[in-house]
Protein backbone atom coordinates (compact mmCIF):
# COMPACT_ATOMS: atom_id res chain seq x y z
CA UNK A 1 104.21 -120.13 -45.96
CA UNK A 2 104.83 -118.72 -42.47
CA UNK A 3 102.37 -119.15 -39.63
CA UNK A 4 99.74 -116.43 -39.23
CA UNK A 5 101.08 -115.06 -35.95
CA UNK A 6 104.60 -114.65 -37.33
CA UNK A 7 103.24 -112.84 -40.40
CA UNK A 8 101.04 -110.62 -38.24
CA UNK A 9 103.97 -109.64 -35.98
CA UNK A 10 106.11 -108.83 -39.03
CA UNK A 11 103.41 -106.61 -40.53
CA UNK A 12 102.74 -104.90 -37.19
CA UNK A 13 106.45 -104.04 -36.88
CA UNK A 14 106.15 -101.47 -39.71
CA UNK A 15 107.83 -98.34 -38.32
CA UNK A 16 106.06 -95.96 -40.73
CA UNK A 17 102.62 -97.23 -39.72
CA UNK A 18 103.58 -96.98 -36.07
CA UNK A 19 104.67 -93.37 -36.59
CA UNK A 20 101.32 -92.46 -38.16
CA UNK A 21 99.24 -94.47 -35.68
CA UNK A 22 97.93 -97.07 -38.16
CA UNK A 23 96.76 -100.28 -36.47
CA UNK A 24 96.33 -103.70 -38.06
CA UNK A 25 92.83 -104.78 -37.06
CA UNK A 26 92.31 -107.97 -39.07
CA UNK A 27 94.46 -110.21 -41.25
CA UNK A 28 93.49 -113.20 -43.37
CA UNK A 29 94.64 -114.62 -46.67
CA UNK A 30 93.87 -111.93 -49.28
CA UNK A 31 92.17 -109.67 -46.73
CA UNK A 32 93.22 -107.07 -44.18
CA UNK A 33 91.73 -104.22 -42.21
CA UNK A 34 93.62 -101.25 -40.78
CA UNK A 35 92.45 -98.27 -38.75
CA UNK A 36 93.65 -94.76 -38.02
CA UNK A 37 92.32 -91.96 -35.83
CA UNK A 38 92.66 -88.61 -37.56
CA UNK A 39 94.65 -86.30 -35.30
CA UNK A 40 95.70 -82.67 -35.73
CA UNK A 41 99.14 -83.93 -36.77
CA UNK A 42 97.59 -85.64 -39.81
CA UNK A 43 95.76 -82.61 -41.23
CA UNK A 44 96.65 -80.32 -44.09
CA UNK A 45 96.37 -76.52 -44.22
CA UNK A 46 92.60 -76.85 -44.77
CA UNK A 47 92.25 -78.63 -41.42
CA UNK A 48 91.15 -81.87 -43.09
CA UNK A 49 93.07 -85.17 -43.18
CA UNK A 50 96.09 -84.98 -45.46
CA UNK A 51 95.63 -87.13 -48.56
CA UNK A 52 98.93 -88.79 -47.76
CA UNK A 53 97.59 -90.02 -44.41
CA UNK A 54 94.50 -91.54 -46.03
CA UNK A 55 96.65 -93.04 -48.79
CA UNK A 56 99.01 -94.49 -46.17
CA UNK A 57 96.12 -96.09 -44.29
CA UNK A 58 94.82 -97.71 -47.49
CA UNK A 59 98.31 -98.73 -48.60
CA UNK A 60 98.95 -100.39 -45.23
CA UNK A 61 95.81 -102.53 -45.64
CA UNK A 62 96.84 -103.34 -49.22
CA UNK A 63 100.34 -104.36 -48.11
CA UNK A 64 99.02 -106.49 -45.26
CA UNK A 65 96.42 -108.29 -47.39
CA UNK A 66 98.87 -108.98 -50.20
CA UNK A 67 101.55 -110.28 -47.82
CA UNK A 68 99.21 -112.18 -45.48
CA UNK A 69 100.42 -115.58 -46.68
CA UNK A 70 103.96 -114.77 -45.59
CA UNK A 71 105.31 -114.60 -49.15
CA UNK A 72 106.72 -111.31 -50.41
CA UNK A 73 104.41 -109.16 -52.53
CA UNK A 74 105.50 -105.74 -53.79
CA UNK A 75 103.36 -103.00 -55.31
CA UNK A 76 103.40 -102.57 -59.07
CA UNK A 77 100.84 -99.79 -59.26
CA UNK A 78 98.30 -98.04 -57.06
CA UNK A 79 95.76 -95.27 -57.30
CA UNK A 80 93.29 -93.64 -54.97
CA UNK A 81 90.11 -91.62 -55.33
CA UNK A 82 89.27 -89.27 -52.47
CA UNK A 83 85.51 -88.95 -52.00
CA UNK A 84 84.82 -87.14 -48.73
CA UNK A 85 86.66 -85.15 -46.07
CA UNK A 86 86.32 -85.93 -42.37
CA UNK A 87 87.05 -84.09 -39.15
CA UNK A 88 89.79 -84.52 -36.58
CA UNK A 89 88.86 -87.30 -34.16
CA UNK A 90 87.28 -89.49 -36.85
CA UNK A 91 88.46 -93.09 -36.90
CA UNK A 92 88.98 -94.33 -40.44
CA UNK A 93 89.03 -97.99 -41.44
CA UNK A 94 90.60 -99.39 -44.59
CA UNK A 95 89.39 -102.79 -45.77
CA UNK A 96 91.51 -104.51 -48.42
CA UNK A 97 90.32 -107.50 -50.42
CA UNK A 98 91.94 -109.41 -53.25
CA UNK A 99 89.76 -109.03 -56.33
CA UNK A 100 91.90 -110.95 -58.81
CA UNK A 101 94.83 -113.31 -58.57
CA UNK A 102 96.69 -114.77 -61.48
CA UNK A 103 100.17 -116.19 -61.65
CA UNK A 104 102.65 -113.74 -60.14
CA UNK A 105 100.29 -110.75 -59.86
CA UNK A 106 97.20 -109.96 -57.84
CA UNK A 107 94.80 -107.04 -57.68
CA UNK A 108 93.24 -105.51 -54.56
CA UNK A 109 90.49 -103.03 -53.80
CA UNK A 110 90.69 -101.06 -50.57
CA UNK A 111 87.68 -99.14 -49.26
CA UNK A 112 88.28 -96.45 -46.64
CA UNK A 113 85.27 -95.68 -44.46
CA UNK A 114 84.44 -93.57 -41.42
CA UNK A 115 82.64 -94.72 -38.24
CA UNK A 116 79.27 -94.34 -39.98
CA UNK A 117 80.45 -96.68 -42.75
CA UNK A 118 80.46 -93.80 -45.25
CA UNK A 119 83.00 -94.30 -48.03
CA UNK A 120 85.82 -91.74 -47.75
CA UNK A 121 88.16 -93.11 -50.42
CA UNK A 122 88.65 -95.99 -52.82
CA UNK A 123 92.15 -97.37 -53.44
CA UNK A 124 93.14 -99.93 -56.05
CA UNK A 125 96.47 -101.70 -56.26
CA UNK A 126 98.29 -104.48 -58.05
CA UNK A 127 101.19 -106.49 -56.63
CA UNK A 128 103.93 -108.69 -58.00
CA UNK A 129 104.80 -111.86 -56.11
CA UNK A 130 108.39 -112.82 -57.07
């Protein structure tokens, strides 16, 4: 198990998250929080956040939480339910928590909320830890 600061730096070096503007806010064993401000560049043709941007925010929290111990964890399956649309300028937060661990797999729930703590999306994922 690597030290927390080394793990955090590794997770924060994710080029894709940097490109989108996703920040790692909090990281603990089995828990992570990421944030993203919705910009014009992240909207679809309706003018609302692209589902891929919201998915990426949730997936980043999922990846961080599942790799927080410094051991490799890779996604086996994920799904997301979109609940509400938000406007440009909204800061979204994704909070990932391990809900089940057993052997080489673990399950996580990620809740995406806006600044008013309204649920925008729910993401679920399962990882394999080789």
